Amino acid sequence: MSRIYIFFALILLAAIAAGMVRILRGPTAADRMMVAQLFGTCGVAILLLLAKGLDNMVLLDIALVFSLLAALATMTFVRRTWQGNDGEGADGYPS
């Protein structure tokens, strides 16, 4: 049964490798950020699969930290790139 989890983790690793093409060729910063989100999501999924497949529950804590960092990276990207009216950021303050 653990081989199935490791097999699916390898498939997700292949998805990350395919995403590298988009990172290198992405025409906009938003494309690159979407791939970074893919990396975060696949990374968390890989850690969860490996935690179950290898019976190593420490990987669950690492997956939780990665998911929090991915959300923080997205919020930072949006805050730094979103331009509202009159040059104000999304929160109403000048950027």
PDB file of N, CA and C in Angstrom:
ATOM      1  N   MET A   1       0.812  -1.195   0.000  1.00  0.00           N
ATOM      2  CA  MET A   1       0.000   0.000   0.000  1.00  0.00           C
ATOM      3  C   MET A   1       0.855   1.258   0.000  1.00  0.00           C
ATOM      4  N   SER A   2       1.988   1.221   0.662  1.00  0.00           N
ATOM      5  CA  SER A   2       2.830   2.413   0.719  1.00  0.00           C
ATOM      6  C   SER A   2       3.444   2.730  -0.641  1.00  0.00           C
ATOM      7  N   ARG A   3       3.572   1.736  -1.493  1.00  0.00           N
ATOM      8  CA  ARG A   3       4.109   1.989  -2.832  1.00  0.00           C
ATOM      9  C   ARG A   3       3.169   2.864  -3.658  1.00  0.00           C
ATOM     10  N   ILE A   4       1.893   2.750  -3.418  1.00  0.00           N
ATOM     11  CA  ILE A   4       0.918   3.574  -4.140  1.00  0.00           C
ATOM     12  C   ILE A   4       1.107   5.034  -3.778  1.00  0.00           C
ATOM     13  N   TYR A   5       1.288   5.317  -2.485  1.00  0.00           N
ATOM     14  CA  TYR A   5       1.489   6.696  -2.048  1.00  0.00           C
ATOM     15  C   TYR A   5       2.762   7.283  -2.651  1.00  0.00           C
ATOM     16  N   ILE A   6       3.806   6.504  -2.664  1.00  0.00           N
ATOM     17  CA  ILE A   6       5.076   6.979  -3.223  1.00  0.00           C
ATOM     18  C   ILE A   6       4.950   7.162  -4.736  1.00  0.00           C
ATOM     19  N   PHE A   7       4.208   6.281  -5.405  1.00  0.00           N
ATOM     20  CA  PHE A   7       3.979   6.417  -6.841  1.00  0.00           C
ATOM     21  C   PHE A   7       3.275   7.733  -7.161  1.00  0.00           C
ATOM     22  N   PHE A   8       2.220   8.054  -6.409  1.00  0.00           N
ATOM     23  CA  PHE A   8       1.496   9.306  -6.651  1.00  0.00           C
ATOM     24  C   PHE A   8       2.347  10.523  -6.288  1.00  0.00           C
ATOM     25  N   ALA A   9       3.217  10.382  -5.312  1.00  0.00           N
ATOM     26  CA  ALA A   9       4.135  11.473  -4.985  1.00  0.00           C
ATOM     27  C   ALA A   9       5.084  11.728  -6.156  1.00  0.00           C
ATOM     28  N   LEU A  10       5.513  10.679  -6.829  1.00  0.00           N
ATOM     29  CA  LEU A  10       6.375  10.841  -7.998  1.00  0.00           C
ATOM     30  C   LEU A  10       5.629  11.492  -9.161  1.00  0.00           C
ATOM     31  N   ILE A  11       4.344  11.171  -9.305  1.00  0.00           N
ATOM     32  CA  ILE A  11       3.545  11.822 -10.349  1.00  0.00           C
ATOM     33  C   ILE A  11       3.444  13.321 -10.075  1.00  0.00           C
ATOM     34  N   LEU A  12       3.230  13.689  -8.817  1.00  0.00           N
ATOM     35  CA  LEU A  12       3.169  15.114  -8.472  1.00  0.00           C
ATOM     36  C   LEU A  12       4.523  15.791  -8.669  1.00  0.00           C
ATOM     37  N   LEU A  13       5.582  15.067  -8.439  1.00  0.00           N
ATOM     38  CA  LEU A  13       6.912  15.616  -8.689  1.00  0.00           C
ATOM     39  C   LEU A  13       7.102  15.881 -10.182  1.00  0.00           C
ATOM     40  N   ALA A  14       6.541  15.024 -11.019  1.00  0.00           N
ATOM     41  CA  ALA A  14       6.593  15.262 -12.467  1.00  0.00           C
ATOM     42  C   ALA A  14       5.791  16.504 -12.847  1.00  0.00           C
ATOM     43  N   ALA A  15       4.687  16.771 -12.138  1.00  0.00           N
ATOM     44  CA  ALA A  15       3.911  17.986 -12.392  1.00  0.00           C
ATOM     45  C   ALA A  15       4.725  19.231 -12.032  1.00  0.00           C
ATOM     46  N   ILE A  16       5.500  19.144 -10.984  1.00  0.00           N
ATOM     47  CA  ILE A  16       6.374  20.263 -10.617  1.00  0.00           C
ATOM     48  C   ILE A  16       7.435  20.472 -11.694  1.00  0.00           C
ATOM     49  N   ALA A  17       7.984  19.394 -12.204  1.00  0.00           N
ATOM     50  CA  ALA A  17       8.980  19.516 -13.272  1.00  0.00           C
ATOM     51  C   ALA A  17       8.377  20.145 -14.520  1.00  0.00           C
ATOM     52  N   ALA A  18       7.134  19.794 -14.841  1.00  0.00           N
ATOM     53  CA  ALA A  18       6.472  20.409 -15.992  1.00  0.00           C
ATOM     54  C   ALA A  18       6.193  21.884 -15.739  1.00  0.00           C
ATOM     55  N   GLY A  19       5.933  22.236 -14.498  1.00  0.00           N
ATOM     56  CA  GLY A  19       5.709  23.636 -14.153  1.00  0.00           C
ATOM     57  C   GLY A  19       6.942  24.504 -14.307  1.00  0.00           C
ATOM     58  N   MET A  20       8.105  23.899 -14.237  1.00  0.00           N
ATOM     59  CA  MET A  20       9.345  24.663 -14.425  1.00  0.00           C
ATOM     60  C   MET A  20       9.400  25.307 -15.804  1.00  0.00           C
ATOM     61  N   VAL A  21       8.803  24.669 -16.779  1.00  0.00           N
ATOM     62  CA  VAL A  21       8.754  25.239 -18.126  1.00  0.00           C
ATOM     63  C   VAL A  21       7.974  26.547 -18.102  1.00  0.00           C
ATOM     64  N   ARG A  22       6.875  26.571 -17.357  1.00  0.00           N
ATOM     65  CA  ARG A  22       6.051  27.778 -17.284  1.00  0.00           C
ATOM     66  C   ARG A  22       6.765  28.884 -16.507  1.00  0.00           C
ATOM     67  N   ILE A  23       7.538  28.511 -15.524  1.00  0.00           N
ATOM     68  CA  ILE A  23       8.302  29.516 -14.770  1.00  0.00           C
ATOM     69  C   ILE A  23       9.286  30.209 -15.703  1.00  0.00           C
ATOM     70  N   LEU A  24       9.937  29.432 -16.541  1.00  0.00           N
ATOM     71  CA  LEU A  24      10.953  30.001 -17.423  1.00  0.00           C
ATOM     72  C   LEU A  24      10.349  30.769 -18.587  1.00  0.00           C
ATOM     73  N   ARG A  25       9.161  30.351 -19.071  1.00  0.00           N
ATOM     74  CA  ARG A  25       8.569  30.978 -20.244  1.00  0.00           C
ATOM     75  C   ARG A  25       7.408  31.905 -19.932  1.00  0.00           C
ATOM     76  N   GLY A  26       6.963  31.956 -18.672  1.00  0.00           N
ATOM     77  CA  GLY A  26       5.782  32.742 -18.324  1.00  0.00           C
ATOM     78  C   GLY A  26       5.909  34.195 -18.737  1.00  0.00           C
ATOM     79  N   PRO A  27       4.952  34.704 -19.506  1.00  0.00           N
ATOM     80  CA  PRO A  27       5.086  36.078 -19.990  1.00  0.00           C
ATOM     81  C   PRO A  27       4.821  37.125 -18.908  1.00  0.00           C
ATOM     82  N   THR A  28       4.047  36.796 -17.882  1.00  0.00           N
ATOM     83  CA  THR A  28       3.736  37.791 -16.864  1.00  0.00           C
ATOM     84  C   THR A  28       4.099  37.263 -15.487  1.00  0.00           C
ATOM     85  N   ALA A  29       4.150  38.196 -14.548  1.00  0.00           N
ATOM     86  CA  ALA A  29       4.431  37.817 -13.167  1.00  0.00           C
ATOM     87  C   ALA A  29       3.300  36.970 -12.589  1.00  0.00           C
ATOM     88  N   ALA A  30       2.074  37.211 -13.055  1.00  0.00           N
ATOM     89  CA  ALA A  30       0.936  36.420 -12.565  1.00  0.00           C
ATOM     90  C   ALA A  30       1.063  34.956 -12.969  1.00  0.00           C
ATOM     91  N   ASP A  31       1.563  34.704 -14.184  1.00  0.00           N
ATOM     92  CA  ASP A  31       1.788  33.315 -14.612  1.00  0.00           C
ATOM     93  C   ASP A  31       2.808  32.639 -13.708  1.00  0.00           C
ATOM     94  N   ARG A  32       3.845  33.353 -13.411  1.00  0.00           N
ATOM     95  CA  ARG A  32       4.891  32.788 -12.548  1.00  0.00           C
ATOM     96  C   ARG A  32       4.369  32.551 -11.136  1.00  0.00           C
ATOM     97  N   MET A  33       3.517  33.436 -10.655  1.00  0.00           N
ATOM     98  CA  MET A  33       2.952  33.259  -9.317  1.00  0.00           C
ATOM     99  C   MET A  33       2.012  32.068  -9.272  1.00  0.00           C
ATOM    100  N   MET A  34       1.267  31.845 -10.351  1.00  0.00           N
ATOM    101  CA  MET A  34       0.395  30.675 -10.389  1.00  0.00           C
ATOM    102  C   MET A  34       1.206  29.382 -10.346  1.00  0.00           C
ATOM    103  N   VAL A  35       2.349  29.373 -11.009  1.00  0.00           N
ATOM    104  CA  VAL A  35       3.208  28.186 -10.956  1.00  0.00           C
ATOM    105  C   VAL A  35       3.798  28.026  -9.565  1.00  0.00           C
ATOM    106  N   ALA A  36       4.123  29.135  -8.913  1.00  0.00           N
ATOM    107  CA  ALA A  36       4.615  29.051  -7.536  1.00  0.00           C
ATOM    108  C   ALA A  36       3.541  28.472  -6.623  1.00  0.00           C
ATOM    109  N   GLN A  37       2.284  28.813  -6.875  1.00  0.00           N
ATOM    110  CA  GLN A  37       1.186  28.219  -6.116  1.00  0.00           C
ATOM    111  C   GLN A  37       1.079  26.719  -6.412  1.00  0.00           C
ATOM    112  N   LEU A  38       1.296  26.344  -7.681  1.00  0.00           N
ATOM    113  CA  LEU A  38       1.306  24.920  -8.032  1.00  0.00           C
ATOM    114  C   LEU A  38       2.407  24.197  -7.273  1.00  0.00           C
ATOM    115  N   PHE A  39       3.578  24.811  -7.189  1.00  0.00           N
ATOM    116  CA  PHE A  39       4.678  24.202  -6.444  1.00  0.00           C
ATOM    117  C   PHE A  39       4.307  24.014  -4.984  1.00  0.00           C
ATOM    118  N   GLY A  40       3.691  25.033  -4.400  1.00  0.00           N
ATOM    119  CA  GLY A  40       3.297  24.931  -2.999  1.00  0.00           C
ATOM    120  C   GLY A  40       2.262  23.846  -2.769  1.00  0.00           C
ATOM    121  N   THR A  41       1.261  23.798  -3.639  1.00  0.00           N
ATOM    122  CA  THR A  41       0.206  22.803  -3.491  1.00  0.00           C
ATOM    123  C   THR A  41       0.744  21.395  -3.715  1.00  0.00           C
ATOM    124  N   CYS A  42       1.532  21.228  -4.765  1.00  0.00           N
ATOM    125  CA  CYS A  42       2.108  19.902  -5.026  1.00  0.00           C
ATOM    126  C   CYS A  42       3.090  19.501  -3.930  1.00  0.00           C
ATOM    127  N   GLY A  43       3.837  20.468  -3.430  1.00  0.00           N
ATOM    128  CA  GLY A  43       4.780  20.170  -2.356  1.00  0.00           C
ATOM    129  C   GLY A  43       4.074  19.682  -1.104  1.00  0.00           C
ATOM    130  N   VAL A  44       2.980  20.330  -0.751  1.00  0.00           N
ATOM    131  CA  VAL A  44       2.209  19.897   0.415  1.00  0.00           C
ATOM    132  C   VAL A  44       1.614  18.514   0.163  1.00  0.00           C
ATOM    133  N   ALA A  45       1.073  18.302  -1.030  1.00  0.00           N
ATOM    134  CA  ALA A  45       0.492  16.992  -1.346  1.00  0.00           C
ATOM    135  C   ALA A  45       1.554  15.894  -1.327  1.00  0.00           C
ATOM    136  N   ILE A  46       2.738  16.198  -1.847  1.00  0.00           N
ATOM    137  CA  ILE A  46       3.822  15.209  -1.830  1.00  0.00           C
ATOM    138  C   ILE A  46       4.209  14.869  -0.394  1.00  0.00           C
ATOM    139  N   LEU A  47       4.319  15.886   0.448  1.00  0.00           N
ATOM    140  CA  LEU A  47       4.677  15.627   1.847  1.00  0.00           C
ATOM    141  C   LEU A  47       3.602  14.808   2.559  1.00  0.00           C
ATOM    142  N   LEU A  48       2.335  15.088   2.265  1.00  0.00           N
ATOM    143  CA  LEU A  48       1.267  14.307   2.885  1.00  0.00           C
ATOM    144  C   LEU A  48       1.285  12.856   2.415  1.00  0.00           C
ATOM    145  N   LEU A  49       1.525  12.652   1.117  1.00  0.00           N
ATOM    146  CA  LEU A  49       1.609  11.285   0.604  1.00  0.00           C
ATOM    147  C   LEU A  49       2.810  10.535   1.177  1.00  0.00           C
ATOM    148  N   LEU A  50       3.935  11.231   1.274  1.00  0.00           N
ATOM    149  CA  LEU A  50       5.122  10.585   1.841  1.00  0.00           C
ATOM    150  C   LEU A  50       4.952  10.301   3.333  1.00  0.00           C
ATOM    151  N   ALA A  51       4.252  11.181   4.034  1.00  0.00           N
ATOM    152  CA  ALA A  51       4.006  10.938   5.457  1.00  0.00           C
ATOM    153  C   ALA A  51       3.212   9.645   5.647  1.00  0.00           C
ATOM    154  N   LYS A  52       2.224   9.458   4.793  1.00  0.00           N
ATOM    155  CA  LYS A  52       1.421   8.241   4.885  1.00  0.00           C
ATOM    156  C   LYS A  52       2.185   7.025   4.356  1.00  0.00           C
ATOM    157  N   GLY A  53       2.880   7.193   3.233  1.00  0.00           N
ATOM    158  CA  GLY A  53       3.584   6.069   2.619  1.00  0.00           C
ATOM    159  C   GLY A  53       4.780   5.590   3.412  1.00  0.00           C
ATOM    160  N   LEU A  54       5.494   6.515   4.042  1.00  0.00           N
ATOM    161  CA  LEU A  54       6.681   6.147   4.813  1.00  0.00           C
ATOM    162  C   LEU A  54       6.396   6.026   6.307  1.00  0.00           C
ATOM    163  N   ASP A  55       5.149   6.290   6.701  1.00  0.00           N
ATOM    164  CA  ASP A  55       4.726   6.252   8.093  1.00  0.00           C
ATOM    165  C   ASP A  55       5.608   7.164   8.961  1.00  0.00           C
ATOM    166  N   ASN A  56       5.808   8.387   8.459  1.00  0.00           N
ATOM    167  CA  ASN A  56       6.616   9.392   9.149  1.00  0.00           C
ATOM    168  C   ASN A  56       5.733  10.625   9.368  1.00  0.00           C
ATOM    169  N   MET A  57       5.155  10.727  10.540  1.00  0.00           N
ATOM    170  CA  MET A  57       4.178  11.769  10.809  1.00  0.00           C
ATOM    171  C   MET A  57       4.797  13.154  11.006  1.00  0.00           C
ATOM    172  N   VAL A  58       6.113  13.244  11.095  1.00  0.00           N
ATOM    173  CA  VAL A  58       6.771  14.551  11.184  1.00  0.00           C
ATOM    174  C   VAL A  58       6.547  15.333   9.885  1.00  0.00           C
ATOM    175  N   LEU A  59       6.417  14.618   8.786  1.00  0.00           N
ATOM    176  CA  LEU A  59       6.184  15.267   7.498  1.00  0.00           C
ATOM    177  C   LEU A  59       4.849  16.005   7.458  1.00  0.00           C
ATOM    178  N   LEU A  60       3.897  15.618   8.300  1.00  0.00           N
ATOM    179  CA  LEU A  60       2.624  16.336   8.375  1.00  0.00           C
ATOM    180  C   LEU A  60       2.838  17.756   8.892  1.00  0.00           C
ATOM    181  N   ASP A  61       3.708  17.904   9.888  1.00  0.00           N
ATOM    182  CA  ASP A  61       4.004  19.239  10.420  1.00  0.00           C
ATOM    183  C   ASP A  61       4.708  20.102   9.381  1.00  0.00           C
ATOM    184  N   ILE A  62       5.599  19.502   8.635  1.00  0.00           N
ATOM    185  CA  ILE A  62       6.306  20.242   7.594  1.00  0.00           C
ATOM    186  C   ILE A  62       5.332  20.666   6.496  1.00  0.00           C
ATOM    187  N   ALA A  63       4.389  19.807   6.155  1.00  0.00           N
ATOM    188  CA  ALA A  63       3.375  20.147   5.149  1.00  0.00           C
ATOM    189  C   ALA A  63       2.524  21.319   5.627  1.00  0.00           C
ATOM    190  N   LEU A  64       2.194  21.351   6.905  1.00  0.00           N
ATOM    191  CA  LEU A  64       1.418  22.457   7.453  1.00  0.00           C
ATOM    192  C   LEU A  64       2.177  23.767   7.343  1.00  0.00           C
ATOM    193  N   VAL A  65       3.450  23.749   7.649  1.00  0.00           N
ATOM    194  CA  VAL A  65       4.277  24.957   7.542  1.00  0.00           C
ATOM    195  C   VAL A  65       4.368  25.406   6.085  1.00  0.00           C
ATOM    196  N   PHE A  66       4.543  24.469   5.162  1.00  0.00           N
ATOM    197  CA  PHE A  66       4.606  24.822   3.738  1.00  0.00           C
ATOM    198  C   PHE A  66       3.298  25.440   3.255  1.00  0.00           C
ATOM    199  N   SER A  67       2.171  24.917   3.728  1.00  0.00           N
ATOM    200  CA  SER A  67       0.888  25.479   3.292  1.00  0.00           C
ATOM    201  C   SER A  67       0.719  26.899   3.817  1.00  0.00           C
ATOM    202  N   LEU A  68       1.164  27.168   5.022  1.00  0.00           N
ATOM    203  CA  LEU A  68       1.102  28.527   5.556  1.00  0.00           C
ATOM    204  C   LEU A  68       2.027  29.468   4.790  1.00  0.00           C
ATOM    205  N   LEU A  69       3.208  28.986   4.435  1.00  0.00           N
ATOM    206  CA  LEU A  69       4.135  29.817   3.664  1.00  0.00           C
ATOM    207  C   LEU A  69       3.598  30.104   2.264  1.00  0.00           C
ATOM    208  N   ALA A  70       2.929  29.145   1.658  1.00  0.00           N
ATOM    209  CA  ALA A  70       2.352  29.364   0.327  1.00  0.00           C
ATOM    210  C   ALA A  70       1.267  30.436   0.385  1.00  0.00           C
ATOM    211  N   ALA A  71       0.437  30.406   1.414  1.00  0.00           N
ATOM    212  CA  ALA A  71      -0.603  31.434   1.555  1.00  0.00           C
ATOM    213  C   ALA A  71       0.028  32.796   1.796  1.00  0.00           C
ATOM    214  N   LEU A  72       1.062  32.850   2.588  1.00  0.00           N
ATOM    215  CA  LEU A  72       1.753  34.113   2.855  1.00  0.00           C
ATOM    216  C   LEU A  72       2.406  34.661   1.588  1.00  0.00           C
ATOM    217  N   ALA A  73       2.980  33.796   0.787  1.00  0.00           N
ATOM    218  CA  ALA A  73       3.601  34.239  -0.466  1.00  0.00           C
ATOM    219  C   ALA A  73       2.567  34.816  -1.421  1.00  0.00           C
ATOM    220  N   THR A  74       1.393  34.204  -1.476  1.00  0.00           N
ATOM    221  CA  THR A  74       0.334  34.721  -2.344  1.00  0.00           C
ATOM    222  C   THR A  74      -0.141  36.086  -1.868  1.00  0.00           C
ATOM    223  N   MET A  75      -0.349  36.231  -0.575  1.00  0.00           N
ATOM    224  CA  MET A  75      -0.783  37.529  -0.050  1.00  0.00           C
ATOM    225  C   MET A  75       0.263  38.603  -0.307  1.00  0.00           C
ATOM    226  N   THR A  76       1.522  38.268  -0.160  1.00  0.00           N
ATOM    227  CA  THR A  76       2.586  39.231  -0.421  1.00  0.00           C
ATOM    228  C   THR A  76       2.625  39.625  -1.887  1.00  0.00           C
ATOM    229  N   PHE A  77       2.469  38.660  -2.776  1.00  0.00           N
ATOM    230  CA  PHE A  77       2.454  38.957  -4.204  1.00  0.00           C
ATOM    231  C   PHE A  77       1.313  39.897  -4.554  1.00  0.00           C
ATOM    232  N   VAL A  78       0.127  39.595  -4.067  1.00  0.00           N
ATOM    233  CA  VAL A  78      -1.036  40.425  -4.380  1.00  0.00           C
ATOM    234  C   VAL A  78      -0.857  41.824  -3.816  1.00  0.00           C
ATOM    235  N   ARG A  79      -0.367  41.918  -2.616  1.00  0.00           N
ATOM    236  CA  ARG A  79      -0.187  43.226  -1.987  1.00  0.00           C
ATOM    237  C   ARG A  79       0.844  44.067  -2.742  1.00  0.00           C
ATOM    238  N   ARG A  80       1.883  43.455  -3.238  1.00  0.00           N
ATOM    239  CA  ARG A  80       2.931  44.213  -3.919  1.00  0.00           C
ATOM    240  C   ARG A  80       2.600  44.541  -5.367  1.00  0.00           C
ATOM    241  N   THR A  81       1.700  43.776  -5.994  1.00  0.00           N
ATOM    242  CA  THR A  81       1.430  44.010  -7.409  1.00  0.00           C
ATOM    243  C   THR A  81       0.082  44.654  -7.683  1.00  0.00           C
ATOM    244  N   TRP A  82      -0.861  44.561  -6.771  1.00  0.00           N
ATOM    245  CA  TRP A  82      -2.191  45.119  -7.002  1.00  0.00           C
ATOM    246  C   TRP A  82      -2.122  46.632  -6.910  1.00  0.00           C
ATOM    247  N   GLN A  83      -2.560  47.281  -7.941  1.00  0.00           N
ATOM    248  CA  GLN A  83      -2.635  48.742  -7.951  1.00  0.00           C
ATOM    249  C   GLN A  83      -4.088  49.152  -8.082  1.00  0.00           C
ATOM    250  N   GLY A  84      -4.620  49.775  -7.054  1.00  0.00           N
ATOM    251  CA  GLY A  84      -5.996  50.254  -7.073  1.00  0.00           C
ATOM    252  C   GLY A  84      -6.065  51.626  -7.732  1.00  0.00           C
ATOM    253  N   ASN A  85      -7.086  52.376  -7.445  1.00  0.00           N
ATOM    254  CA  ASN A  85      -7.264  53.713  -7.997  1.00  0.00           C
ATOM    255  C   ASN A  85      -6.284  54.693  -7.381  1.00  0.00           C
ATOM    256  N   ASP A  86      -5.830  55.659  -8.174  1.00  0.00           N
ATOM    257  CA  ASP A  86      -4.963  56.748  -7.731  1.00  0.00           C
ATOM    258  C   ASP A  86      -3.649  56.258  -7.114  1.00  0.00           C
ATOM    259  N   GLY A  87      -3.130  55.158  -7.579  1.00  0.00           N
ATOM    260  CA  GLY A  87      -1.839  54.672  -7.111  1.00  0.00           C
ATOM    261  C   GLY A  87      -1.871  54.096  -5.714  1.00  0.00           C
ATOM    262  N   GLU A  88      -3.052  53.808  -5.210  1.00  0.00           N
ATOM    263  CA  GLU A  88      -3.152  53.215  -3.878  1.00  0.00           C
ATOM    264  C   GLU A  88      -3.119  51.710  -3.990  1.00  0.00           C
ATOM    265  N   GLY A  89      -2.618  51.087  -2.944  1.00  0.00           N
ATOM    266  CA  GLY A  89      -2.607  49.630  -2.905  1.00  0.00           C
ATOM    267  C   GLY A  89      -3.987  49.097  -2.592  1.00  0.00           C
ATOM    268  N   ALA A  90      -4.092  47.788  -2.441  1.00  0.00           N
ATOM    269  CA  ALA A  90      -5.377  47.148  -2.187  1.00  0.00           C
ATOM    270  C   ALA A  90      -5.949  47.530  -0.838  1.00  0.00           C
ATOM    271  N   ASP A  91      -5.081  47.930   0.107  1.00  0.00           N
ATOM    272  CA  ASP A  91      -5.560  48.288   1.428  1.00  0.00           C
ATOM    273  C   ASP A  91      -5.891  49.785   1.549  1.00  0.00           C
ATOM    274  N   GLY A  92      -5.762  50.550   0.469  1.00  0.00           N
ATOM    275  CA  GLY A  92      -6.112  51.965   0.500  1.00  0.00           C
ATOM    276  C   GLY A  92      -4.953  52.886   0.814  1.00  0.00           C
ATOM    277  N   TYR A  93      -3.816  52.319   1.155  1.00  0.00           N
ATOM    278  CA  TYR A  93      -2.654  53.128   1.469  1.00  0.00           C
ATOM    279  C   TYR A  93      -1.771  53.277   0.235  1.00  0.00           C
ATOM    280  N   PRO A  94      -1.036  54.366   0.122  1.00  0.00           N
ATOM    281  CA  PRO A  94      -0.128  54.507  -1.021  1.00  0.00           C
ATOM    282  C   PRO A  94       0.913  53.396  -1.027  1.00  0.00           C
ATOM    283  N   SER A  95       1.199  52.893  -2.205  1.00  0.00           N
ATOM    284  CA  SER A  95       2.171  51.811  -2.284  1.00  0.00           C
ATOM    285  C   SER A  95       3.562  52.325  -2.584  1.00  0.00           C
TER     286      SER A  95
END
